[in-house]
Amino acid sequence: MPCYDPRDNENESYVLEIRDNPLDKKLIKDLSEQNKKLEAGLCALLTELEKKGIADEVITQASKSGLINLTDFWLAHSKEDETRLSVELHKFSEHEQNILKRLLNER
């Protein structure tokens, strides 16, 4: 499942349940969707920076420039990705996991 996956809407569903106003529901849904896309975009950018070996430098400088702690975001987001993918991976048999590993190593 990618970082941006419309199936992951547990929190959004709860908030929508407790709101009565249709305009509130639309605003919440739109903002939630925008937030998911921004987070996925930031994840993609930081992943590409990691591939080039410059993520730490860029994150540190961007955190100073933007007065926001991107390091904590990236550490938490990376841990969430790892946990989510680990759960998904354990749905496969050992044989299937080995096939997936082989396929990923061939890329």
C-alpha atoms as a PDB file:
ATOM      1  CA  MET A   1       0.000   0.000   0.000  1.00  0.00           C
ATOM      2  CA  PRO A   2       1.533   3.362  -0.940  1.00  0.00           C
ATOM      3  CA  CYS A   3       1.753   6.278   1.458  1.00  0.00           C
ATOM      4  CA  TYR A   4      -1.303   7.768  -0.205  1.00  0.00           C
ATOM      5  CA  ASP A   5      -4.004   5.154  -0.147  1.00  0.00           C
ATOM      6  CA  PRO A   6      -7.674   6.110  -0.078  1.00  0.00           C
ATOM      7  CA  ARG A   7      -8.465   2.855   1.766  1.00  0.00           C
ATOM      8  CA  ASP A   8      -6.710   4.234   4.863  1.00  0.00           C
ATOM      9  CA  ASN A   9      -9.503   6.459   6.193  1.00  0.00           C
ATOM     10  CA  GLU A  10     -10.138   5.230   9.741  1.00  0.00           C
ATOM     11  CA  ASN A  11      -9.655   8.617  11.454  1.00  0.00           C
ATOM     12  CA  GLU A  12     -11.557  10.448   8.746  1.00  0.00           C
ATOM     13  CA  SER A  13     -14.525   8.096   9.111  1.00  0.00           C
ATOM     14  CA  TYR A  14     -14.677   8.676  12.858  1.00  0.00           C
ATOM     15  CA  VAL A  15     -14.577  12.468  12.499  1.00  0.00           C
ATOM     16  CA  LEU A  16     -17.229  12.386   9.804  1.00  0.00           C
ATOM     17  CA  GLU A  17     -19.508  10.282  12.013  1.00  0.00           C
ATOM     18  CA  ILE A  18     -19.535  12.838  14.820  1.00  0.00           C
ATOM     19  CA  ARG A  19     -20.226  15.834  12.554  1.00  0.00           C
ATOM     20  CA  ASP A  20     -23.779  16.634  11.429  1.00  0.00           C
ATOM     21  CA  ASN A  21     -23.251  19.585   9.127  1.00  0.00           C
ATOM     22  CA  PRO A  22     -22.753  18.462   5.486  1.00  0.00           C
ATOM     23  CA  LEU A  23     -20.461  21.454   4.844  1.00  0.00           C
ATOM     24  CA  ASP A  24     -18.247  20.388   7.762  1.00  0.00           C
ATOM     25  CA  LYS A  25     -18.128  16.861   6.400  1.00  0.00           C
ATOM     26  CA  LYS A  26     -17.101  18.073   2.943  1.00  0.00           C
ATOM     27  CA  LEU A  27     -14.429  20.376   4.371  1.00  0.00           C
ATOM     28  CA  ILE A  28     -13.046  17.612   6.598  1.00  0.00           C
ATOM     29  CA  LYS A  29     -12.984  15.165   3.694  1.00  0.00           C
ATOM     30  CA  ASP A  30     -11.279  17.690   1.373  1.00  0.00           C
ATOM     31  CA  LEU A  31      -8.666  18.674   3.975  1.00  0.00           C
ATOM     32  CA  SER A  32      -7.986  15.053   4.848  1.00  0.00           C
ATOM     33  CA  GLU A  33      -7.494  14.215   1.176  1.00  0.00           C
ATOM     34  CA  GLN A  34      -5.163  17.188   0.707  1.00  0.00           C
ATOM     35  CA  ASN A  35      -3.171  16.227   3.808  1.00  0.00           C
ATOM     36  CA  LYS A  36      -2.725  12.647   2.573  1.00  0.00           C
ATOM     37  CA  LYS A  37      -1.484  13.884  -0.807  1.00  0.00           C
ATOM     38  CA  LEU A  38       0.947  16.359   0.771  1.00  0.00           C
ATOM     39  CA  GLU A  39       2.308  13.702   3.118  1.00  0.00           C
ATOM     40  CA  ALA A  40       2.717  11.255   0.230  1.00  0.00           C
ATOM     41  CA  GLY A  41       4.492  13.934  -1.804  1.00  0.00           C
ATOM     42  CA  LEU A  42       6.840  14.783   1.046  1.00  0.00           C
ATOM     43  CA  CYS A  43       7.524  11.072   1.544  1.00  0.00           C
ATOM     44  CA  ALA A  44       8.350  10.640  -2.148  1.00  0.00           C
ATOM     45  CA  LEU A  45      10.690  13.641  -2.122  1.00  0.00           C
ATOM     46  CA  LEU A  46      12.515  12.565   1.028  1.00  0.00           C
ATOM     47  CA  THR A  47      12.822   9.015  -0.302  1.00  0.00           C
ATOM     48  CA  GLU A  48      14.486  10.316  -3.475  1.00  0.00           C
ATOM     49  CA  LEU A  49      16.830  12.474  -1.389  1.00  0.00           C
ATOM     50  CA  GLU A  50      17.758   9.402   0.660  1.00  0.00           C
ATOM     51  CA  LYS A  51      18.589   7.512  -2.536  1.00  0.00           C
ATOM     52  CA  LYS A  52      21.032  10.289  -3.431  1.00  0.00           C
ATOM     53  CA  GLY A  53      22.503  10.316   0.097  1.00  0.00           C
ATOM     54  CA  ILE A  54      21.566  13.928   0.806  1.00  0.00           C
ATOM     55  CA  ALA A  55      18.342  13.546   2.821  1.00  0.00           C
ATOM     56  CA  ASP A  56      19.866  14.311   6.228  1.00  0.00           C
ATOM     57  CA  GLU A  57      21.525  17.493   5.001  1.00  0.00           C
ATOM     58  CA  VAL A  58      18.396  18.726   3.211  1.00  0.00           C
ATOM     59  CA  ILE A  59      16.077  17.807   6.107  1.00  0.00           C
ATOM     60  CA  THR A  60      18.300  19.605   8.604  1.00  0.00           C
ATOM     61  CA  GLN A  61      18.515  22.756   6.506  1.00  0.00           C
ATOM     62  CA  ALA A  62      14.807  22.717   5.603  1.00  0.00           C
ATOM     63  CA  SER A  63      13.924  22.290   9.279  1.00  0.00           C
ATOM     64  CA  LYS A  64      15.966  25.375  10.120  1.00  0.00           C
ATOM     65  CA  SER A  65      14.563  27.386   7.221  1.00  0.00           C
ATOM     66  CA  GLY A  66      10.950  26.403   7.784  1.00  0.00           C
ATOM     67  CA  LEU A  67      11.094  26.341  11.588  1.00  0.00           C
ATOM     68  CA  ILE A  68       9.481  22.897  11.567  1.00  0.00           C
ATOM     69  CA  ASN A  69      10.939  19.616  12.763  1.00  0.00           C
ATOM     70  CA  LEU A  70      11.053  17.521   9.597  1.00  0.00           C
ATOM     71  CA  THR A  71      13.407  15.039  11.242  1.00  0.00           C
ATOM     72  CA  ASP A  72      10.745  13.874  13.680  1.00  0.00           C
ATOM     73  CA  PHE A  73       8.182  13.706  10.873  1.00  0.00           C
ATOM     74  CA  TRP A  74      10.504  11.614   8.700  1.00  0.00           C
ATOM     75  CA  LEU A  75      11.479   9.246  11.509  1.00  0.00           C
ATOM     76  CA  ALA A  76       7.828   8.695  12.505  1.00  0.00           C
ATOM     77  CA  HIS A  77       6.678   8.349   8.899  1.00  0.00           C
ATOM     78  CA  SER A  78       9.451   5.878   8.083  1.00  0.00           C
ATOM     79  CA  LYS A  79       8.550   3.811  11.157  1.00  0.00           C
ATOM     80  CA  GLU A  80       4.862   3.829  10.126  1.00  0.00           C
ATOM     81  CA  ASP A  81       5.835   2.644   6.626  1.00  0.00           C
ATOM     82  CA  GLU A  82       8.001  -0.118   8.063  1.00  0.00           C
ATOM     83  CA  THR A  83       5.240  -1.294  10.416  1.00  0.00           C
ATOM     84  CA  ARG A  84       2.579  -1.169   7.697  1.00  0.00           C
ATOM     85  CA  LEU A  85       4.737  -3.074   5.211  1.00  0.00           C
ATOM     86  CA  SER A  86       5.765  -5.621   7.824  1.00  0.00           C
ATOM     87  CA  VAL A  87       2.099  -6.403   8.495  1.00  0.00           C
ATOM     88  CA  GLU A  88       1.475  -6.744   4.761  1.00  0.00           C
ATOM     89  CA  LEU A  89       4.539  -8.945   4.257  1.00  0.00           C
ATOM     90  CA  HIS A  90       3.477 -11.350   6.997  1.00  0.00           C
ATOM     91  CA  LYS A  91       0.295 -12.086   5.061  1.00  0.00           C
ATOM     92  CA  PHE A  92       2.446 -14.080   2.642  1.00  0.00           C
ATOM     93  CA  SER A  93       3.909 -17.534   3.173  1.00  0.00           C
ATOM     94  CA  GLU A  94       7.657 -17.946   3.586  1.00  0.00           C
ATOM     95  CA  HIS A  95       7.849 -19.156  -0.022  1.00  0.00           C
ATOM     96  CA  GLU A  96       5.917 -16.113  -1.272  1.00  0.00           C
ATOM     97  CA  GLN A  97       8.107 -13.784   0.818  1.00  0.00           C
ATOM     98  CA  ASN A  98      11.215 -15.285  -0.779  1.00  0.00           C
ATOM     99  CA  ILE A  99       9.746 -14.715  -4.234  1.00  0.00           C
ATOM    100  CA  LEU A 100       8.959 -11.099  -3.356  1.00  0.00           C
ATOM    101  CA  LYS A 101      12.491 -10.572  -2.025  1.00  0.00           C
ATOM    102  CA  ARG A 102      13.973 -12.047  -5.194  1.00  0.00           C
ATOM    103  CA  LEU A 103      11.770  -9.876  -7.376  1.00  0.00           C
ATOM    104  CA  LEU A 104      12.688  -6.764  -5.409  1.00  0.00           C
ATOM    105  CA  ASN A 105      16.410  -7.562  -5.624  1.00  0.00           C
ATOM    106  CA  GLU A 106      16.124  -7.896  -9.402  1.00  0.00           C
ATOM    107  CA  ARG A 107      14.877  -4.327  -9.749  1.00  0.00           C
END
